[in-house]
mmCIF file of all heavy atoms, coordinates in Angstrom:
data_MODEL
# 
_entry.id   MODEL 
# 
loop_
_atom_site.group_PDB 
_atom_site.id 
_atom_site.type_symbol 
_atom_site.label_atom_id 
_atom_site.label_alt_id 
_atom_site.label_comp_id 
_atom_site.label_asym_id 
_atom_site.label_entity_id 
_atom_site.label_seq_id 
_atom_site.pdbx_PDB_ins_code 
_atom_site.Cartn_x 
_atom_site.Cartn_y 
_atom_site.Cartn_z 
_atom_site.occupancy 
_atom_site.B_iso_or_equiv 
_atom_site.pdbx_formal_charge 
_atom_site.auth_seq_id 
_atom_site.auth_comp_id 
_atom_site.auth_asym_id 
_atom_site.auth_atom_id 
_atom_site.pdbx_PDB_model_num 
ATOM 1   N N   . TYR A 1 1  ? 10.518 11.228 27.810 1.00 0.00 ? 1  TYR A N   1 
ATOM 2   C CA  . TYR A 1 1  ? 11.763 11.389 27.045 1.00 0.00 ? 1  TYR A CA  1 
ATOM 3   C C   . TYR A 1 1  ? 12.150 12.865 27.050 1.00 0.00 ? 1  TYR A C   1 
ATOM 4   O O   . TYR A 1 1  ? 11.458 13.706 26.489 1.00 0.00 ? 1  TYR A O   1 
ATOM 5   C CB  . TYR A 1 1  ? 11.557 10.899 25.614 1.00 0.00 ? 1  TYR A CB  1 
ATOM 6   C CG  . TYR A 1 1  ? 12.821 10.886 24.773 1.00 0.00 ? 1  TYR A CG  1 
ATOM 7   C CD1 . TYR A 1 1  ? 13.687 9.799  24.800 1.00 0.00 ? 1  TYR A CD1 1 
ATOM 8   C CD2 . TYR A 1 1  ? 13.136 11.956 23.942 1.00 0.00 ? 1  TYR A CD2 1 
ATOM 9   C CE1 . TYR A 1 1  ? 14.836 9.781  24.022 1.00 0.00 ? 1  TYR A CE1 1 
ATOM 10  C CE2 . TYR A 1 1  ? 14.279 11.945 23.158 1.00 0.00 ? 1  TYR A CE2 1 
ATOM 11  C CZ  . TYR A 1 1  ? 15.121 10.854 23.208 1.00 0.00 ? 1  TYR A CZ  1 
ATOM 12  O OH  . TYR A 1 1  ? 16.258 10.837 22.440 1.00 0.00 ? 1  TYR A OH  1 
ATOM 13  N N   . GLN A 1 2  ? 13.265 13.192 27.707 1.00 0.00 ? 2  GLN A N   1 
ATOM 14  C CA  . GLN A 1 2  ? 13.745 14.567 27.785 1.00 0.00 ? 2  GLN A CA  1 
ATOM 15  C C   . GLN A 1 2  ? 14.678 14.836 26.602 1.00 0.00 ? 2  GLN A C   1 
ATOM 16  O O   . GLN A 1 2  ? 15.722 14.195 26.485 1.00 0.00 ? 2  GLN A O   1 
ATOM 17  C CB  . GLN A 1 2  ? 14.491 14.791 29.109 1.00 0.00 ? 2  GLN A CB  1 
ATOM 18  C CG  . GLN A 1 2  ? 13.638 14.520 30.340 1.00 0.00 ? 2  GLN A CG  1 
ATOM 19  C CD  . GLN A 1 2  ? 12.455 15.476 30.447 1.00 0.00 ? 2  GLN A CD  1 
ATOM 20  O OE1 . GLN A 1 2  ? 12.580 16.654 30.118 1.00 0.00 ? 2  GLN A OE1 1 
ATOM 21  N NE2 . GLN A 1 2  ? 11.325 14.975 30.908 1.00 0.00 ? 2  GLN A NE2 1 
ATOM 22  N N   . TYR A 1 3  ? 14.285 15.753 25.743 1.00 0.00 ? 3  TYR A N   1 
ATOM 23  C CA  . TYR A 1 3  ? 15.047 15.949 24.514 1.00 0.00 ? 3  TYR A CA  1 
ATOM 24  C C   . TYR A 1 3  ? 15.489 17.399 24.324 1.00 0.00 ? 3  TYR A C   1 
ATOM 25  O O   . TYR A 1 3  ? 14.904 18.326 24.858 1.00 0.00 ? 3  TYR A O   1 
ATOM 26  C CB  . TYR A 1 3  ? 14.205 15.522 23.303 1.00 0.00 ? 3  TYR A CB  1 
ATOM 27  C CG  . TYR A 1 3  ? 12.949 16.340 23.099 1.00 0.00 ? 3  TYR A CG  1 
ATOM 28  C CD1 . TYR A 1 3  ? 12.957 17.484 22.306 1.00 0.00 ? 3  TYR A CD1 1 
ATOM 29  C CD2 . TYR A 1 3  ? 11.752 15.972 23.704 1.00 0.00 ? 3  TYR A CD2 1 
ATOM 30  C CE1 . TYR A 1 3  ? 11.818 18.239 22.120 1.00 0.00 ? 3  TYR A CE1 1 
ATOM 31  C CE2 . TYR A 1 3  ? 10.599 16.720 23.517 1.00 0.00 ? 3  TYR A CE2 1 
ATOM 32  C CZ  . TYR A 1 3  ? 10.641 17.847 22.724 1.00 0.00 ? 3  TYR A CZ  1 
ATOM 33  O OH  . TYR A 1 3  ? 9.506  18.597 22.539 1.00 0.00 ? 3  TYR A OH  1 
ATOM 34  N N   . LYS A 1 4  ? 16.556 17.528 23.535 1.00 0.00 ? 4  LYS A N   1 
ATOM 35  C CA  . LYS A 1 4  ? 17.008 18.847 23.081 1.00 0.00 ? 4  LYS A CA  1 
ATOM 36  C C   . LYS A 1 4  ? 16.458 19.140 21.688 1.00 0.00 ? 4  LYS A C   1 
ATOM 37  O O   . LYS A 1 4  ? 16.263 20.293 21.329 1.00 0.00 ? 4  LYS A O   1 
ATOM 38  C CB  . LYS A 1 4  ? 18.530 18.894 23.059 1.00 0.00 ? 4  LYS A CB  1 
ATOM 39  C CG  . LYS A 1 4  ? 19.172 18.867 24.441 1.00 0.00 ? 4  LYS A CG  1 
ATOM 40  C CD  . LYS A 1 4  ? 20.676 18.997 24.329 1.00 0.00 ? 4  LYS A CD  1 
ATOM 41  C CE  . LYS A 1 4  ? 21.329 19.012 25.711 1.00 0.00 ? 4  LYS A CE  1 
ATOM 42  N NZ  . LYS A 1 4  ? 22.794 19.121 25.625 1.00 0.00 ? 4  LYS A NZ  1 
ATOM 43  N N   . ALA A 1 5  ? 16.264 18.092 20.906 1.00 0.00 ? 5  ALA A N   1 
ATOM 44  C CA  . ALA A 1 5  ? 15.706 18.243 19.564 1.00 0.00 ? 5  ALA A CA  1 
ATOM 45  C C   . ALA A 1 5  ? 14.929 16.979 19.224 1.00 0.00 ? 5  ALA A C   1 
ATOM 46  O O   . ALA A 1 5  ? 15.249 15.893 19.705 1.00 0.00 ? 5  ALA A O   1 
ATOM 47  C CB  . ALA A 1 5  ? 16.807 18.499 18.544 1.00 0.00 ? 5  ALA A CB  1 
ATOM 48  N N   . ALA A 1 6  ? 13.908 17.124 18.405 1.00 0.00 ? 6  ALA A N   1 
ATOM 49  C CA  . ALA A 1 6  ? 13.087 15.975 18.023 1.00 0.00 ? 6  ALA A CA  1 
ATOM 50  C C   . ALA A 1 6  ? 12.477 16.206 16.650 1.00 0.00 ? 6  ALA A C   1 
ATOM 51  O O   . ALA A 1 6  ? 12.328 17.352 16.211 1.00 0.00 ? 6  ALA A O   1 
ATOM 52  C CB  . ALA A 1 6  ? 11.982 15.732 19.052 1.00 0.00 ? 6  ALA A CB  1 
ATOM 53  N N   . GLY A 1 7  ? 12.152 15.121 15.966 1.00 0.00 ? 7  GLY A N   1 
ATOM 54  C CA  . GLY A 1 7  ? 11.539 15.205 14.647 1.00 0.00 ? 7  GLY A CA  1 
ATOM 55  C C   . GLY A 1 7  ? 10.600 14.026 14.427 1.00 0.00 ? 7  GLY A C   1 
ATOM 56  O O   . GLY A 1 7  ? 10.686 13.015 15.130 1.00 0.00 ? 7  GLY A O   1 
ATOM 57  N N   . GLU A 1 8  ? 9.727  14.153 13.447 1.00 0.00 ? 8  GLU A N   1 
ATOM 58  C CA  . GLU A 1 8  ? 8.748  13.090 13.162 1.00 0.00 ? 8  GLU A CA  1 
ATOM 59  C C   . GLU A 1 8  ? 8.572  12.895 11.671 1.00 0.00 ? 8  GLU A C   1 
ATOM 60  O O   . GLU A 1 8  ? 8.460  13.863 10.913 1.00 0.00 ? 8  GLU A O   1 
ATOM 61  C CB  . GLU A 1 8  ? 7.391  13.435 13.784 1.00 0.00 ? 8  GLU A CB  1 
ATOM 62  C CG  . GLU A 1 8  ? 6.329  12.372 13.500 1.00 0.00 ? 8  GLU A CG  1 
ATOM 63  C CD  . GLU A 1 8  ? 4.939  12.805 13.941 1.00 0.00 ? 8  GLU A CD  1 
ATOM 64  O OE1 . GLU A 1 8  ? 4.465  13.855 13.438 1.00 0.00 ? 8  GLU A OE1 1 
ATOM 65  O OE2 . GLU A 1 8  ? 4.335  12.110 14.781 1.00 0.00 ? 8  GLU A OE2 1 
ATOM 66  N N   . ASN A 1 9  ? 8.553  11.633 11.236 1.00 0.00 ? 9  ASN A N   1 
ATOM 67  C CA  . ASN A 1 9  ? 8.171  11.255 9.878  1.00 0.00 ? 9  ASN A CA  1 
ATOM 68  C C   . ASN A 1 9  ? 6.958  10.342 9.966  1.00 0.00 ? 9  ASN A C   1 
ATOM 69  O O   . ASN A 1 9  ? 6.897  9.472  10.844 1.00 0.00 ? 9  ASN A O   1 
ATOM 70  C CB  . ASN A 1 9  ? 9.311  10.516 9.170  1.00 0.00 ? 9  ASN A CB  1 
ATOM 71  C CG  . ASN A 1 9  ? 10.374 11.466 8.646  1.00 0.00 ? 9  ASN A CG  1 
ATOM 72  O OD1 . ASN A 1 9  ? 10.178 12.686 8.618  1.00 0.00 ? 9  ASN A OD1 1 
ATOM 73  N ND2 . ASN A 1 9  ? 11.506 10.921 8.235  1.00 0.00 ? 9  ASN A ND2 1 
ATOM 74  N N   . LEU A 1 10 ? 6.004  10.531 9.068  1.00 0.00 ? 10 LEU A N   1 
ATOM 75  C CA  . LEU A 1 10 ? 4.809  9.696  9.011  1.00 0.00 ? 10 LEU A CA  1 
ATOM 76  C C   . LEU A 1 10 ? 4.684  9.079  7.620  1.00 0.00 ? 10 LEU A C   1 
ATOM 77  O O   . LEU A 1 10 ? 5.099  9.683  6.624  1.00 0.00 ? 10 LEU A O   1 
ATOM 78  C CB  . LEU A 1 10 ? 3.548  10.512 9.301  1.00 0.00 ? 10 LEU A CB  1 
ATOM 79  C CG  . LEU A 1 10 ? 3.426  11.184 10.672 1.00 0.00 ? 10 LEU A CG  1 
ATOM 80  C CD1 . LEU A 1 10 ? 2.127  11.970 10.752 1.00 0.00 ? 10 LEU A CD1 1 
ATOM 81  C CD2 . LEU A 1 10 ? 3.496  10.151 11.785 1.00 0.00 ? 10 LEU A CD2 1 
ATOM 82  N N   . ALA A 1 11 ? 4.104  7.877  7.580  1.00 0.00 ? 11 ALA A N   1 
ATOM 83  C CA  . ALA A 1 11 ? 3.811  7.234  6.300  1.00 0.00 ? 11 ALA A CA  1 
ATOM 84  C C   . ALA A 1 11 ? 2.593  6.335  6.486  1.00 0.00 ? 11 ALA A C   1 
ATOM 85  O O   . ALA A 1 11 ? 2.324  5.856  7.593  1.00 0.00 ? 11 ALA A O   1 
ATOM 86  C CB  . ALA A 1 11 ? 5.001  6.419  5.817  1.00 0.00 ? 11 ALA A CB  1 
ATOM 87  N N   . ILE A 1 12 ? 1.866  6.107  5.390  1.00 0.00 ? 12 ILE A N   1 
ATOM 88  C CA  . ILE A 1 12 ? 0.678  5.261  5.466  1.00 0.00 ? 12 ILE A CA  1 
ATOM 89  C C   . ILE A 1 12 ? 0.532  4.444  4.188  1.00 0.00 ? 12 ILE A C   1 
ATOM 90  O O   . ILE A 1 12 ? 0.733  4.942  3.080  1.00 0.00 ? 12 ILE A O   1 
ATOM 91  C CB  . ILE A 1 12 ? -0.595 6.122  5.701  1.00 0.00 ? 12 ILE A CB  1 
ATOM 92  C CG1 . ILE A 1 12 ? -1.812 5.248  5.967  1.00 0.00 ? 12 ILE A CG1 1 
ATOM 93  C CG2 . ILE A 1 12 ? -0.839 7.078  4.554  1.00 0.00 ? 12 ILE A CG2 1 
ATOM 94  C CD1 . ILE A 1 12 ? -3.047 6.035  6.424  1.00 0.00 ? 12 ILE A CD1 1 
ATOM 95  N N   . ASN A 1 13 ? 0.280  3.147  4.375  1.00 0.00 ? 13 ASN A N   1 
ATOM 96  C CA  . ASN A 1 13 ? -0.098 2.230  3.299  1.00 0.00 ? 13 ASN A CA  1 
ATOM 97  C C   . ASN A 1 13 ? 0.978  2.023  2.237  1.00 0.00 ? 13 ASN A C   1 
ATOM 98  O O   . ASN A 1 13 ? 0.717  2.135  1.039  1.00 0.00 ? 13 ASN A O   1 
ATOM 99  C CB  . ASN A 1 13 ? -1.397 2.710  2.637  1.00 0.00 ? 13 ASN A CB  1 
ATOM 100 C CG  . ASN A 1 13 ? -2.552 2.688  3.613  1.00 0.00 ? 13 ASN A CG  1 
ATOM 101 O OD1 . ASN A 1 13 ? -2.595 1.864  4.522  1.00 0.00 ? 13 ASN A OD1 1 
ATOM 102 N ND2 . ASN A 1 13 ? -3.479 3.613  3.446  1.00 0.00 ? 13 ASN A ND2 1 
ATOM 103 N N   . PHE A 1 14 ? 2.194  1.713  2.675  1.00 0.00 ? 14 PHE A N   1 
ATOM 104 C CA  . PHE A 1 14 ? 3.248  1.308  1.743  1.00 0.00 ? 14 PHE A CA  1 
ATOM 105 C C   . PHE A 1 14 ? 3.376  -0.211 1.774  1.00 0.00 ? 14 PHE A C   1 
ATOM 106 O O   . PHE A 1 14 ? 3.172  -0.848 2.821  1.00 0.00 ? 14 PHE A O   1 
ATOM 107 C CB  . PHE A 1 14 ? 4.578  1.970  2.108  1.00 0.00 ? 14 PHE A CB  1 
ATOM 108 C CG  . PHE A 1 14 ? 4.687  3.392  1.630  1.00 0.00 ? 14 PHE A CG  1 
ATOM 109 C CD1 . PHE A 1 14 ? 4.226  4.435  2.417  1.00 0.00 ? 14 PHE A CD1 1 
ATOM 110 C CD2 . PHE A 1 14 ? 5.232  3.688  0.393  1.00 0.00 ? 14 PHE A CD2 1 
ATOM 111 C CE1 . PHE A 1 14 ? 4.316  5.745  1.986  1.00 0.00 ? 14 PHE A CE1 1 
ATOM 112 C CE2 . PHE A 1 14 ? 5.327  4.998  -0.061 1.00 0.00 ? 14 PHE A CE2 1 
ATOM 113 C CZ  . PHE A 1 14 ? 4.865  6.027  0.732  1.00 0.00 ? 14 PHE A CZ  1 
ATOM 114 N N   . ASP A 1 15 ? 3.734  -0.790 0.635  1.00 0.00 ? 15 ASP A N   1 
ATOM 115 C CA  . ASP A 1 15 ? 3.833  -2.249 0.540  1.00 0.00 ? 15 ASP A CA  1 
ATOM 116 C C   . ASP A 1 15 ? 5.111  -2.796 1.159  1.00 0.00 ? 15 ASP A C   1 
ATOM 117 O O   . ASP A 1 15 ? 5.177  -3.970 1.505  1.00 0.00 ? 15 ASP A O   1 
ATOM 118 C CB  . ASP A 1 15 ? 3.762  -2.689 -0.929 1.00 0.00 ? 15 ASP A CB  1 
ATOM 119 C CG  . ASP A 1 15 ? 2.379  -2.424 -1.536 1.00 0.00 ? 15 ASP A CG  1 
ATOM 120 O OD1 . ASP A 1 15 ? 1.393  -2.443 -0.759 1.00 0.00 ? 15 ASP A OD1 1 
ATOM 121 O OD2 . ASP A 1 15 ? 2.300  -2.189 -2.749 1.00 0.00 ? 15 ASP A OD2 1 
ATOM 122 N N   . SER A 1 16 ? 6.133  -1.960 1.269  1.00 0.00 ? 16 SER A N   1 
ATOM 123 C CA  . SER A 1 16 ? 7.394  -2.435 1.847  1.00 0.00 ? 16 SER A CA  1 
ATOM 124 C C   . SER A 1 16 ? 8.117  -1.281 2.525  1.00 0.00 ? 16 SER A C   1 
ATOM 125 O O   . SER A 1 16 ? 7.882  -0.103 2.210  1.00 0.00 ? 16 SER A O   1 
ATOM 126 C CB  . SER A 1 16 ? 8.292  -3.029 0.751  1.00 0.00 ? 16 SER A CB  1 
ATOM 127 O OG  . SER A 1 16 ? 8.734  -2.015 -0.141 1.00 0.00 ? 16 SER A OG  1 
ATOM 128 N N   . ALA A 1 17 ? 8.991  -1.635 3.457  1.00 0.00 ? 17 ALA A N   1 
ATOM 129 C CA  . ALA A 1 17 ? 9.783  -0.623 4.148  1.00 0.00 ? 17 ALA A CA  1 
ATOM 130 C C   . ALA A 1 17 ? 10.714 0.091  3.174  1.00 0.00 ? 17 ALA A C   1 
ATOM 131 O O   . ALA A 1 17 ? 10.964 1.296  3.309  1.00 0.00 ? 17 ALA A O   1 
ATOM 132 C CB  . ALA A 1 17 ? 10.588 -1.271 5.270  1.00 0.00 ? 17 ALA A CB  1 
ATOM 133 N N   . LYS A 1 18 ? 11.206 -0.633 2.180  1.00 0.00 ? 18 LYS A N   1 
ATOM 134 C CA  . LYS A 1 18 ? 12.112 -0.047 1.196  1.00 0.00 ? 18 LYS A CA  1 
ATOM 135 C C   . LYS A 1 18 ? 11.388 0.995  0.356  1.00 0.00 ? 18 LYS A C   1 
ATOM 136 O O   . LYS A 1 18 ? 11.929 2.080  0.083  1.00 0.00 ? 18 LYS A O   1 
ATOM 137 C CB  . LYS A 1 18 ? 12.687 -1.150 0.299  1.00 0.00 ? 18 LYS A CB  1 
ATOM 138 C CG  . LYS A 1 18 ? 13.745 -0.657 -0.669 1.00 0.00 ? 18 LYS A CG  1 
ATOM 139 C CD  . LYS A 1 18 ? 14.359 -1.815 -1.438 1.00 0.00 ? 18 LYS A CD  1 
ATOM 140 C CE  . LYS A 1 18 ? 15.444 -1.322 -2.386 1.00 0.00 ? 18 LYS A CE  1 
ATOM 141 N NZ  . LYS A 1 18 ? 16.038 -2.449 -3.152 1.00 0.00 ? 18 LYS A NZ  1 
ATOM 142 N N   . GLU A 1 19 ? 10.177 0.675  -0.068 1.00 0.00 ? 19 GLU A N   1 
ATOM 143 C CA  . GLU A 1 19 ? 9.386  1.624  -0.853 1.00 0.00 ? 19 GLU A CA  1 
ATOM 144 C C   . GLU A 1 19 ? 9.067  2.868  -0.011 1.00 0.00 ? 19 GLU A C   1 
ATOM 145 O O   . GLU A 1 19 ? 9.132  3.997  -0.494 1.00 0.00 ? 19 GLU A O   1 
ATOM 146 C CB  . GLU A 1 19 ? 8.088  0.962  -1.316 1.00 0.00 ? 19 GLU A CB  1 
ATOM 147 C CG  . GLU A 1 19 ? 7.179  1.877  -2.136 1.00 0.00 ? 19 GLU A CG  1 
ATOM 148 C CD  . GLU A 1 19 ? 5.831  1.245  -2.417 1.00 0.00 ? 19 GLU A CD  1 
ATOM 149 O OE1 . GLU A 1 19 ? 5.598  0.098  -1.957 1.00 0.00 ? 19 GLU A OE1 1 
ATOM 150 O OE2 . GLU A 1 19 ? 5.006  1.899  -3.081 1.00 0.00 ? 19 GLU A OE2 1 
ATOM 151 N N   . GLN A 1 20 ? 8.725  2.647  1.232  1.00 0.00 ? 20 GLN A N   1 
ATOM 152 C CA  . GLN A 1 20 ? 8.416  3.754  2.132  1.00 0.00 ? 20 GLN A CA  1 
ATOM 153 C C   . GLN A 1 20 ? 9.643  4.639  2.357  1.00 0.00 ? 20 GLN A C   1 
ATOM 154 O O   . GLN A 1 20 ? 9.560  5.870  2.298  1.00 0.00 ? 20 GLN A O   1 
ATOM 155 C CB  . GLN A 1 20 ? 7.938  3.174  3.464  1.00 0.00 ? 20 GLN A CB  1 
ATOM 156 C CG  . GLN A 1 20 ? 7.639  4.207  4.537  1.00 0.00 ? 20 GLN A CG  1 
ATOM 157 C CD  . GLN A 1 20 ? 7.140  3.537  5.802  1.00 0.00 ? 20 GLN A CD  1 
ATOM 158 O OE1 . GLN A 1 20 ? 5.954  3.294  5.957  1.00 0.00 ? 20 GLN A OE1 1 
ATOM 159 N NE2 . GLN A 1 20 ? 8.064  3.224  6.706  1.00 0.00 ? 20 GLN A NE2 1 
ATOM 160 N N   . HIS A 1 21 ? 10.803 4.003  2.578  1.00 0.00 ? 21 HIS A N   1 
ATOM 161 C CA  . HIS A 1 21 ? 12.041 4.765  2.793  1.00 0.00 ? 21 HIS A CA  1 
ATOM 162 C C   . HIS A 1 21 ? 12.401 5.570  1.545  1.00 0.00 ? 21 HIS A C   1 
ATOM 163 O O   . HIS A 1 21 ? 12.854 6.721  1.643  1.00 0.00 ? 21 HIS A O   1 
ATOM 164 C CB  . HIS A 1 21 ? 13.179 3.805  3.154  1.00 0.00 ? 21 HIS A CB  1 
ATOM 165 C CG  . HIS A 1 21 ? 14.502 4.472  3.325  1.00 0.00 ? 21 HIS A CG  1 
ATOM 166 N ND1 . HIS A 1 21 ? 14.838 5.210  4.440  1.00 0.00 ? 21 HIS A ND1 1 
ATOM 167 C CD2 . HIS A 1 21 ? 15.587 4.541  2.495  1.00 0.00 ? 21 HIS A CD2 1 
ATOM 168 C CE1 . HIS A 1 21 ? 16.062 5.685  4.311  1.00 0.00 ? 21 HIS A CE1 1 
ATOM 169 N NE2 . HIS A 1 21 ? 16.539 5.297  3.133  1.00 0.00 ? 21 HIS A NE2 1 
ATOM 170 N N   . GLY A 1 22 ? 12.187 4.962  0.371  1.00 0.00 ? 22 GLY A N   1 
ATOM 171 C CA  . GLY A 1 22 ? 12.479 5.676  -0.871 1.00 0.00 ? 22 GLY A CA  1 
ATOM 172 C C   . GLY A 1 22 ? 11.628 6.927  -1.016 1.00 0.00 ? 22 GLY A C   1 
ATOM 173 O O   . GLY A 1 22 ? 12.111 7.981  -1.461 1.00 0.00 ? 22 GLY A O   1 
ATOM 174 N N   . ALA A 1 23 ? 10.358 6.826  -0.620 1.00 0.00 ? 23 ALA A N   1 
ATOM 175 C CA  . ALA A 1 23 ? 9.474  7.998  -0.693 1.00 0.00 ? 23 ALA A CA  1 
ATOM 176 C C   . ALA A 1 23 ? 9.928  9.075  0.280  1.00 0.00 ? 23 ALA A C   1 
ATOM 177 O O   . ALA A 1 23 ? 9.900  10.275 -0.042 1.00 0.00 ? 23 ALA A O   1 
ATOM 178 C CB  . ALA A 1 23 ? 8.037  7.572  -0.385 1.00 0.00 ? 23 ALA A CB  1 
ATOM 179 N N   . TRP A 1 24 ? 10.345 8.665  1.460  1.00 0.00 ? 24 TRP A N   1 
ATOM 180 C CA  . TRP A 1 24 ? 10.842 9.639  2.445  1.00 0.00 ? 24 TRP A CA  1 
ATOM 181 C C   . TRP A 1 24 ? 12.091 10.354 1.932  1.00 0.00 ? 24 TRP A C   1 
ATOM 182 O O   . TRP A 1 24 ? 12.233 11.568 2.078  1.00 0.00 ? 24 TRP A O   1 
ATOM 183 C CB  . TRP A 1 24 ? 11.163 8.927  3.757  1.00 0.00 ? 24 TRP A CB  1 
ATOM 184 C CG  . TRP A 1 24 ? 9.967  8.743  4.648  1.00 0.00 ? 24 TRP A CG  1 
ATOM 185 C CD1 . TRP A 1 24 ? 8.772  9.398  4.582  1.00 0.00 ? 24 TRP A CD1 1 
ATOM 186 C CD2 . TRP A 1 24 ? 9.867  7.841  5.755  1.00 0.00 ? 24 TRP A CD2 1 
ATOM 187 N NE1 . TRP A 1 24 ? 7.930  8.974  5.574  1.00 0.00 ? 24 TRP A NE1 1 
ATOM 188 C CE2 . TRP A 1 24 ? 8.568  8.014  6.308  1.00 0.00 ? 24 TRP A CE2 1 
ATOM 189 C CE3 . TRP A 1 24 ? 10.714 6.910  6.331  1.00 0.00 ? 24 TRP A CE3 1 
ATOM 190 C CZ2 . TRP A 1 24 ? 8.119  7.285  7.420  1.00 0.00 ? 24 TRP A CZ2 1 
ATOM 191 C CZ3 . TRP A 1 24 ? 10.274 6.176  7.431  1.00 0.00 ? 24 TRP A CZ3 1 
ATOM 192 C CH2 . TRP A 1 24 ? 8.989  6.372  7.960  1.00 0.00 ? 24 TRP A CH2 1 
ATOM 193 N N   . MET A 1 25 ? 13.001 9.594  1.330  1.00 0.00 ? 25 MET A N   1 
ATOM 194 C CA  . MET A 1 25 ? 14.261 10.180 0.874  1.00 0.00 ? 25 MET A CA  1 
ATOM 195 C C   . MET A 1 25 ? 14.062 11.122 -0.319 1.00 0.00 ? 25 MET A C   1 
ATOM 196 O O   . MET A 1 25 ? 14.911 11.967 -0.597 1.00 0.00 ? 25 MET A O   1 
ATOM 197 C CB  . MET A 1 25 ? 15.261 9.081  0.514  1.00 0.00 ? 25 MET A CB  1 
ATOM 198 C CG  . MET A 1 25 ? 15.740 8.265  1.709  1.00 0.00 ? 25 MET A CG  1 
ATOM 199 S SD  . MET A 1 25 ? 16.568 9.265  2.977  1.00 0.00 ? 25 MET A SD  1 
ATOM 200 C CE  . MET A 1 25 ? 18.096 9.662  2.145  1.00 0.00 ? 25 MET A CE  1 
# 
């Protein structure tokens, strides 16, 4: 993958995608 910009988010052991997204936000 040839990129100009890139980023990474990590998460572990959340019960739901919504809960995980809320923590990220």
